[in-house]
Amino acid sequence: MSDAYDYFRAHAIAAVRKARALRPGRSKQKQRTVARVYHLLSKEAALAPNIHHLDDFRVARRLERQIGR
């Protein structure tokens, strides 16, 4: 397994936990979407690690920061 897989998986788990703590609504849906993106990134990184995942990761992190505001 690659380091990218472990990194993305850790973020996916943290995002799911954060989503579970939120009240039902738009922000919870967005947080669950972010968690799904991290999960998909971890699956792709497990198959073939490459640098293209970093752009997707940065977009997901930016969205997650916007949810927290």
PDB file of N, CA and C in Angstrom:
ATOM      1  N   MET A   1       0.840  -1.181   0.000  1.00  0.00           N
ATOM      2  CA  MET A   1       0.000   0.000   0.000  1.00  0.00           C
ATOM      3  C   MET A   1       0.885   1.244   0.000  1.00  0.00           C
ATOM      4  N   SER A   2       0.343   2.282  -0.535  1.00  0.00           N
ATOM      5  CA  SER A   2       1.125   3.496  -0.638  1.00  0.00           C
ATOM      6  C   SER A   2       0.808   4.444   0.517  1.00  0.00           C
ATOM      7  N   ASP A   3       1.656   5.409   0.681  1.00  0.00           N
ATOM      8  CA  ASP A   3       1.419   6.428   1.701  1.00  0.00           C
ATOM      9  C   ASP A   3       0.203   7.264   1.343  1.00  0.00           C
ATOM     10  N   ALA A   4      -0.002   7.511   0.051  1.00  0.00           N
ATOM     11  CA  ALA A   4      -1.154   8.298  -0.379  1.00  0.00           C
ATOM     12  C   ALA A   4      -2.459   7.613   0.018  1.00  0.00           C
ATOM     13  N   TYR A   5      -2.494   6.303  -0.117  1.00  0.00           N
ATOM     14  CA  TYR A   5      -3.697   5.556   0.283  1.00  0.00           C
ATOM     15  C   TYR A   5      -3.994   5.782   1.761  1.00  0.00           C
ATOM     16  N   ASP A   6      -2.992   5.627   2.594  1.00  0.00           N
ATOM     17  CA  ASP A   6      -3.187   5.802   4.033  1.00  0.00           C
ATOM     18  C   ASP A   6      -3.594   7.228   4.370  1.00  0.00           C
ATOM     19  N   TYR A   7      -2.995   8.178   3.694  1.00  0.00           N
ATOM     20  CA  TYR A   7      -3.292   9.588   3.924  1.00  0.00           C
ATOM     21  C   TYR A   7      -4.735   9.914   3.554  1.00  0.00           C
ATOM     22  N   PHE A   8      -5.163   9.500   2.371  1.00  0.00           N
ATOM     23  CA  PHE A   8      -6.532   9.760   1.936  1.00  0.00           C
ATOM     24  C   PHE A   8      -7.544   9.020   2.806  1.00  0.00           C
ATOM     25  N   ARG A   9      -7.210   7.813   3.199  1.00  0.00           N
ATOM     26  CA  ARG A   9      -8.113   7.030   4.044  1.00  0.00           C
ATOM     27  C   ARG A   9      -8.304   7.692   5.408  1.00  0.00           C
ATOM     28  N   ALA A  10      -7.234   8.214   5.968  1.00  0.00           N
ATOM     29  CA  ALA A  10      -7.335   8.902   7.254  1.00  0.00           C
ATOM     30  C   ALA A  10      -8.238  10.130   7.138  1.00  0.00           C
ATOM     31  N   HIS A  11      -8.112  10.854   6.044  1.00  0.00           N
ATOM     32  CA  HIS A  11      -8.977  12.021   5.835  1.00  0.00           C
ATOM     33  C   HIS A  11     -10.429  11.594   5.617  1.00  0.00           C
ATOM     34  N   ALA A  12     -10.637  10.496   4.941  1.00  0.00           N
ATOM     35  CA  ALA A  12     -12.007  10.001   4.727  1.00  0.00           C
ATOM     36  C   ALA A  12     -12.654   9.634   6.057  1.00  0.00           C
ATOM     37  N   ILE A  13     -11.929   8.958   6.905  1.00  0.00           N
ATOM     38  CA  ILE A  13     -12.472   8.570   8.210  1.00  0.00           C
ATOM     39  C   ILE A  13     -12.787   9.805   9.050  1.00  0.00           C
ATOM     40  N   ALA A  14     -11.882  10.775   9.050  1.00  0.00           N
ATOM     41  CA  ALA A  14     -12.110  12.006   9.813  1.00  0.00           C
ATOM     42  C   ALA A  14     -13.316  12.774   9.268  1.00  0.00           C
ATOM     43  N   ALA A  15     -13.481  12.801   7.957  1.00  0.00           N
ATOM     44  CA  ALA A  15     -14.603  13.515   7.350  1.00  0.00           C
ATOM     45  C   ALA A  15     -15.927  12.834   7.673  1.00  0.00           C
ATOM     46  N   VAL A  16     -15.940  11.516   7.703  1.00  0.00           N
ATOM     47  CA  VAL A  16     -17.162  10.785   8.055  1.00  0.00           C
ATOM     48  C   VAL A  16     -17.538  11.073   9.506  1.00  0.00           C
ATOM     49  N   ARG A  17     -16.553  11.062  10.380  1.00  0.00           N
ATOM     50  CA  ARG A  17     -16.832  11.347  11.793  1.00  0.00           C
ATOM     51  C   ARG A  17     -17.352  12.763  11.976  1.00  0.00           C
ATOM     52  N   LYS A  18     -16.785  13.698  11.224  1.00  0.00           N
ATOM     53  CA  LYS A  18     -17.241  15.086  11.303  1.00  0.00           C
ATOM     54  C   LYS A  18     -18.683  15.200  10.800  1.00  0.00           C
ATOM     55  N   ALA A  19     -18.995  14.483   9.725  1.00  0.00           N
ATOM     56  CA  ALA A  19     -20.351  14.510   9.171  1.00  0.00           C
ATOM     57  C   ALA A  19     -21.355  13.920  10.152  1.00  0.00           C
ATOM     58  N   ARG A  20     -20.973  12.864  10.848  1.00  0.00           N
ATOM     59  CA  ARG A  20     -21.877  12.257  11.818  1.00  0.00           C
ATOM     60  C   ARG A  20     -22.195  13.194  12.974  1.00  0.00           C
ATOM     61  N   ALA A  21     -21.262  14.076  13.299  1.00  0.00           N
ATOM     62  CA  ALA A  21     -21.456  14.999  14.415  1.00  0.00           C
ATOM     63  C   ALA A  21     -22.336  16.187  14.044  1.00  0.00           C
ATOM     64  N   LEU A  22     -22.484  16.457  12.755  1.00  0.00           N
ATOM     65  CA  LEU A  22     -23.282  17.605  12.316  1.00  0.00           C
ATOM     66  C   LEU A  22     -24.776  17.301  12.379  1.00  0.00           C
ATOM     67  N   ARG A  23     -25.536  18.367  12.500  1.00  0.00           N
ATOM     68  CA  ARG A  23     -26.995  18.224  12.463  1.00  0.00           C
ATOM     69  C   ARG A  23     -27.450  17.997  11.028  1.00  0.00           C
ATOM     70  N   PRO A  24     -28.600  17.363  10.861  1.00  0.00           N
ATOM     71  CA  PRO A  24     -29.106  17.159   9.494  1.00  0.00           C
ATOM     72  C   PRO A  24     -29.274  18.493   8.773  1.00  0.00           C
ATOM     73  N   GLY A  25     -28.880  18.509   7.520  1.00  0.00           N
ATOM     74  CA  GLY A  25     -29.001  19.730   6.729  1.00  0.00           C
ATOM     75  C   GLY A  25     -27.984  19.756   5.601  1.00  0.00           C
ATOM     76  N   ARG A  26     -27.877  20.925   5.015  1.00  0.00           N
ATOM     77  CA  ARG A  26     -27.008  21.104   3.840  1.00  0.00           C
ATOM     78  C   ARG A  26     -25.533  20.873   4.169  1.00  0.00           C
ATOM     79  N   SER A  27     -25.083  21.371   5.319  1.00  0.00           N
ATOM     80  CA  SER A  27     -23.669  21.209   5.651  1.00  0.00           C
ATOM     81  C   SER A  27     -23.322  19.741   5.896  1.00  0.00           C
ATOM     82  N   LYS A  28     -24.242  18.979   6.448  1.00  0.00           N
ATOM     83  CA  LYS A  28     -23.986  17.555   6.666  1.00  0.00           C
ATOM     84  C   LYS A  28     -23.891  16.831   5.326  1.00  0.00           C
ATOM     85  N   GLN A  29     -24.753  17.187   4.374  1.00  0.00           N
ATOM     86  CA  GLN A  29     -24.697  16.580   3.050  1.00  0.00           C
ATOM     87  C   GLN A  29     -23.380  16.904   2.355  1.00  0.00           C
ATOM     88  N   LYS A  30     -22.933  18.147   2.474  1.00  0.00           N
ATOM     89  CA  LYS A  30     -21.667  18.537   1.859  1.00  0.00           C
ATOM     90  C   LYS A  30     -20.502  17.784   2.494  1.00  0.00           C
ATOM     91  N   GLN A  31     -20.534  17.655   3.814  1.00  0.00           N
ATOM     92  CA  GLN A  31     -19.451  16.957   4.502  1.00  0.00           C
ATOM     93  C   GLN A  31     -19.417  15.479   4.110  1.00  0.00           C
ATOM     94  N   ARG A  32     -20.574  14.869   3.938  1.00  0.00           N
ATOM     95  CA  ARG A  32     -20.615  13.476   3.492  1.00  0.00           C
ATOM     96  C   ARG A  32     -20.080  13.342   2.071  1.00  0.00           C
ATOM     97  N   THR A  33     -20.343  14.336   1.226  1.00  0.00           N
ATOM     98  CA  THR A  33     -19.807  14.329  -0.127  1.00  0.00           C
ATOM     99  C   THR A  33     -18.281  14.416  -0.098  1.00  0.00           C
ATOM    100  N   VAL A  34     -17.758  15.264   0.769  1.00  0.00           N
ATOM    101  CA  VAL A  34     -16.307  15.371   0.923  1.00  0.00           C
ATOM    102  C   VAL A  34     -15.732  14.025   1.374  1.00  0.00           C
ATOM    103  N   ALA A  35     -16.403  13.373   2.290  1.00  0.00           N
ATOM    104  CA  ALA A  35     -15.946  12.061   2.761  1.00  0.00           C
ATOM    105  C   ALA A  35     -15.929  11.047   1.622  1.00  0.00           C
ATOM    106  N   ARG A  36     -16.946  11.087   0.767  1.00  0.00           N
ATOM    107  CA  ARG A  36     -16.978  10.169  -0.375  1.00  0.00           C
ATOM    108  C   ARG A  36     -15.835  10.453  -1.344  1.00  0.00           C
ATOM    109  N   VAL A  37     -15.515  11.726  -1.544  1.00  0.00           N
ATOM    110  CA  VAL A  37     -14.403  12.083  -2.433  1.00  0.00           C
ATOM    111  C   VAL A  37     -13.094  11.541  -1.878  1.00  0.00           C
ATOM    112  N   TYR A  38     -12.872  11.727  -0.579  1.00  0.00           N
ATOM    113  CA  TYR A  38     -11.659  11.182   0.036  1.00  0.00           C
ATOM    114  C   TYR A  38     -11.612   9.667  -0.098  1.00  0.00           C
ATOM    115  N   HIS A  39     -12.745   9.030   0.079  1.00  0.00           N
ATOM    116  CA  HIS A  39     -12.790   7.573  -0.032  1.00  0.00           C
ATOM    117  C   HIS A  39     -12.442   7.119  -1.458  1.00  0.00           C
ATOM    118  N   LEU A  40     -13.002   7.785  -2.446  1.00  0.00           N
ATOM    119  CA  LEU A  40     -12.694   7.449  -3.839  1.00  0.00           C
ATOM    120  C   LEU A  40     -11.216   7.706  -4.152  1.00  0.00           C
ATOM    121  N   LEU A  41     -10.675   8.801  -3.620  1.00  0.00           N
ATOM    122  CA  LEU A  41      -9.259   9.087  -3.832  1.00  0.00           C
ATOM    123  C   LEU A  41      -8.384   7.999  -3.214  1.00  0.00           C
ATOM    124  N   SER A  42      -8.779   7.500  -2.054  1.00  0.00           N
ATOM    125  CA  SER A  42      -7.985   6.443  -1.426  1.00  0.00           C
ATOM    126  C   SER A  42      -8.051   5.160  -2.241  1.00  0.00           C
ATOM    127  N   LYS A  43      -9.210   4.863  -2.814  1.00  0.00           N
ATOM    128  CA  LYS A  43      -9.324   3.664  -3.657  1.00  0.00           C
ATOM    129  C   LYS A  43      -8.441   3.787  -4.900  1.00  0.00           C
ATOM    130  N   GLU A  44      -8.457   4.960  -5.529  1.00  0.00           N
ATOM    131  CA  GLU A  44      -7.644   5.164  -6.718  1.00  0.00           C
ATOM    132  C   GLU A  44      -6.155   5.139  -6.382  1.00  0.00           C
ATOM    133  N   ALA A  45      -5.783   5.707  -5.245  1.00  0.00           N
ATOM    134  CA  ALA A  45      -4.376   5.731  -4.844  1.00  0.00           C
ATOM    135  C   ALA A  45      -3.870   4.329  -4.531  1.00  0.00           C
ATOM    136  N   ALA A  46      -4.759   3.460  -4.075  1.00  0.00           N
ATOM    137  CA  ALA A  46      -4.354   2.086  -3.777  1.00  0.00           C
ATOM    138  C   ALA A  46      -4.042   1.325  -5.065  1.00  0.00           C
ATOM    139  N   LEU A  47      -4.742   1.658  -6.129  1.00  0.00           N
ATOM    140  CA  LEU A  47      -4.532   0.959  -7.401  1.00  0.00           C
ATOM    141  C   LEU A  47      -3.313   1.476  -8.152  1.00  0.00           C
ATOM    142  N   ALA A  48      -3.237   2.772  -8.296  1.00  0.00           N
ATOM    143  CA  ALA A  48      -2.142   3.361  -9.064  1.00  0.00           C
ATOM    144  C   ALA A  48      -1.834   4.753  -8.529  1.00  0.00           C
ATOM    145  N   PRO A  49      -0.899   4.845  -7.613  1.00  0.00           N
ATOM    146  CA  PRO A  49      -0.589   6.161  -7.069  1.00  0.00           C
ATOM    147  C   PRO A  49       0.028   7.080  -8.124  1.00  0.00           C
ATOM    148  N   ASN A  50      -0.477   8.295  -8.171  1.00  0.00           N
ATOM    149  CA  ASN A  50       0.114   9.295  -9.052  1.00  0.00           C
ATOM    150  C   ASN A  50      -0.154  10.682  -8.504  1.00  0.00           C
ATOM    151  N   ILE A  51       0.445  11.665  -9.114  1.00  0.00           N
ATOM    152  CA  ILE A  51       0.376  13.029  -8.603  1.00  0.00           C
ATOM    153  C   ILE A  51      -0.947  13.723  -8.929  1.00  0.00           C
ATOM    154  N   HIS A  52      -1.737  13.168  -9.837  1.00  0.00           N
ATOM    155  CA  HIS A  52      -2.987  13.797 -10.241  1.00  0.00           C
ATOM    156  C   HIS A  52      -4.006  13.819  -9.110  1.00  0.00           C
ATOM    157  N   HIS A  53      -3.848  12.954  -8.141  1.00  0.00           N
ATOM    158  CA  HIS A  53      -4.783  12.926  -7.014  1.00  0.00           C
ATOM    159  C   HIS A  53      -4.648  14.153  -6.125  1.00  0.00           C
ATOM    160  N   LEU A  54      -3.505  14.798  -6.162  1.00  0.00           N
ATOM    161  CA  LEU A  54      -3.286  15.944  -5.291  1.00  0.00           C
ATOM    162  C   LEU A  54      -4.215  17.099  -5.620  1.00  0.00           C
ATOM    163  N   ASP A  55      -4.497  17.326  -6.892  1.00  0.00           N
ATOM    164  CA  ASP A  55      -5.420  18.392  -7.265  1.00  0.00           C
ATOM    165  C   ASP A  55      -6.818  18.113  -6.727  1.00  0.00           C
ATOM    166  N   ASP A  56      -7.277  16.874  -6.856  1.00  0.00           N
ATOM    167  CA  ASP A  56      -8.586  16.499  -6.323  1.00  0.00           C
ATOM    168  C   ASP A  56      -8.610  16.652  -4.813  1.00  0.00           C
ATOM    169  N   PHE A  57      -7.518  16.285  -4.161  1.00  0.00           N
ATOM    170  CA  PHE A  57      -7.438  16.392  -2.709  1.00  0.00           C
ATOM    171  C   PHE A  57      -7.518  17.853  -2.272  1.00  0.00           C
ATOM    172  N   ARG A  58      -6.815  18.728  -2.979  1.00  0.00           N
ATOM    173  CA  ARG A  58      -6.841  20.153  -2.627  1.00  0.00           C
ATOM    174  C   ARG A  58      -8.236  20.742  -2.780  1.00  0.00           C
ATOM    175  N   VAL A  59      -8.959  20.333  -3.802  1.00  0.00           N
ATOM    176  CA  VAL A  59     -10.323  20.813  -4.000  1.00  0.00           C
ATOM    177  C   VAL A  59     -11.226  20.333  -2.868  1.00  0.00           C
ATOM    178  N   ALA A  60     -11.076  19.078  -2.476  1.00  0.00           N
ATOM    179  CA  ALA A  60     -11.883  18.541  -1.375  1.00  0.00           C
ATOM    180  C   ALA A  60     -11.555  19.252  -0.069  1.00  0.00           C
ATOM    181  N   ARG A  61     -10.280  19.527   0.192  1.00  0.00           N
ATOM    182  CA  ARG A  61      -9.894  20.240   1.413  1.00  0.00           C
ATOM    183  C   ARG A  61     -10.479  21.655   1.426  1.00  0.00           C
ATOM    184  N   ARG A  62     -10.460  22.319   0.277  1.00  0.00           N
ATOM    185  CA  ARG A  62     -11.007  23.673   0.180  1.00  0.00           C
ATOM    186  C   ARG A  62     -12.503  23.657   0.473  1.00  0.00           C
ATOM    187  N   LEU A  63     -13.215  22.682  -0.076  1.00  0.00           N
ATOM    188  CA  LEU A  63     -14.649  22.571   0.187  1.00  0.00           C
ATOM    189  C   LEU A  63     -14.908  22.282   1.660  1.00  0.00           C
ATOM    190  N   GLU A  64     -14.097  21.429   2.247  1.00  0.00           N
ATOM    191  CA  GLU A  64     -14.277  21.088   3.657  1.00  0.00           C
ATOM    192  C   GLU A  64     -14.055  22.324   4.546  1.00  0.00           C
ATOM    193  N   ARG A  65     -13.089  23.153   4.203  1.00  0.00           N
ATOM    194  CA  ARG A  65     -12.854  24.391   4.973  1.00  0.00           C
ATOM    195  C   ARG A  65     -14.037  25.336   4.844  1.00  0.00           C
ATOM    196  N   GLN A  66     -14.669  25.384   3.666  1.00  0.00           N
ATOM    197  CA  GLN A  66     -15.826  26.259   3.478  1.00  0.00           C
ATOM    198  C   GLN A  66     -17.014  25.780   4.300  1.00  0.00           C
ATOM    199  N   ILE A  67     -17.141  24.487   4.469  1.00  0.00           N
ATOM    200  CA  ILE A  67     -18.243  23.946   5.275  1.00  0.00           C
ATOM    201  C   ILE A  67     -18.073  24.348   6.726  1.00  0.00           C
ATOM    202  N   GLY A  68     -16.847  24.377   7.206  1.00  0.00           N
ATOM    203  CA  GLY A  68     -16.576  24.691   8.603  1.00  0.00           C
ATOM    204  C   GLY A  68     -16.867  26.130   8.989  1.00  0.00           C
ATOM    205  N   ARG A  69     -17.006  26.998   8.032  1.00  0.00           N
ATOM    206  CA  ARG A  69     -17.254  28.433   8.320  1.00  0.00           C
ATOM    207  C   ARG A  69     -18.644  28.686   8.786  1.00  0.00           C
TER     208      ARG A  69
END
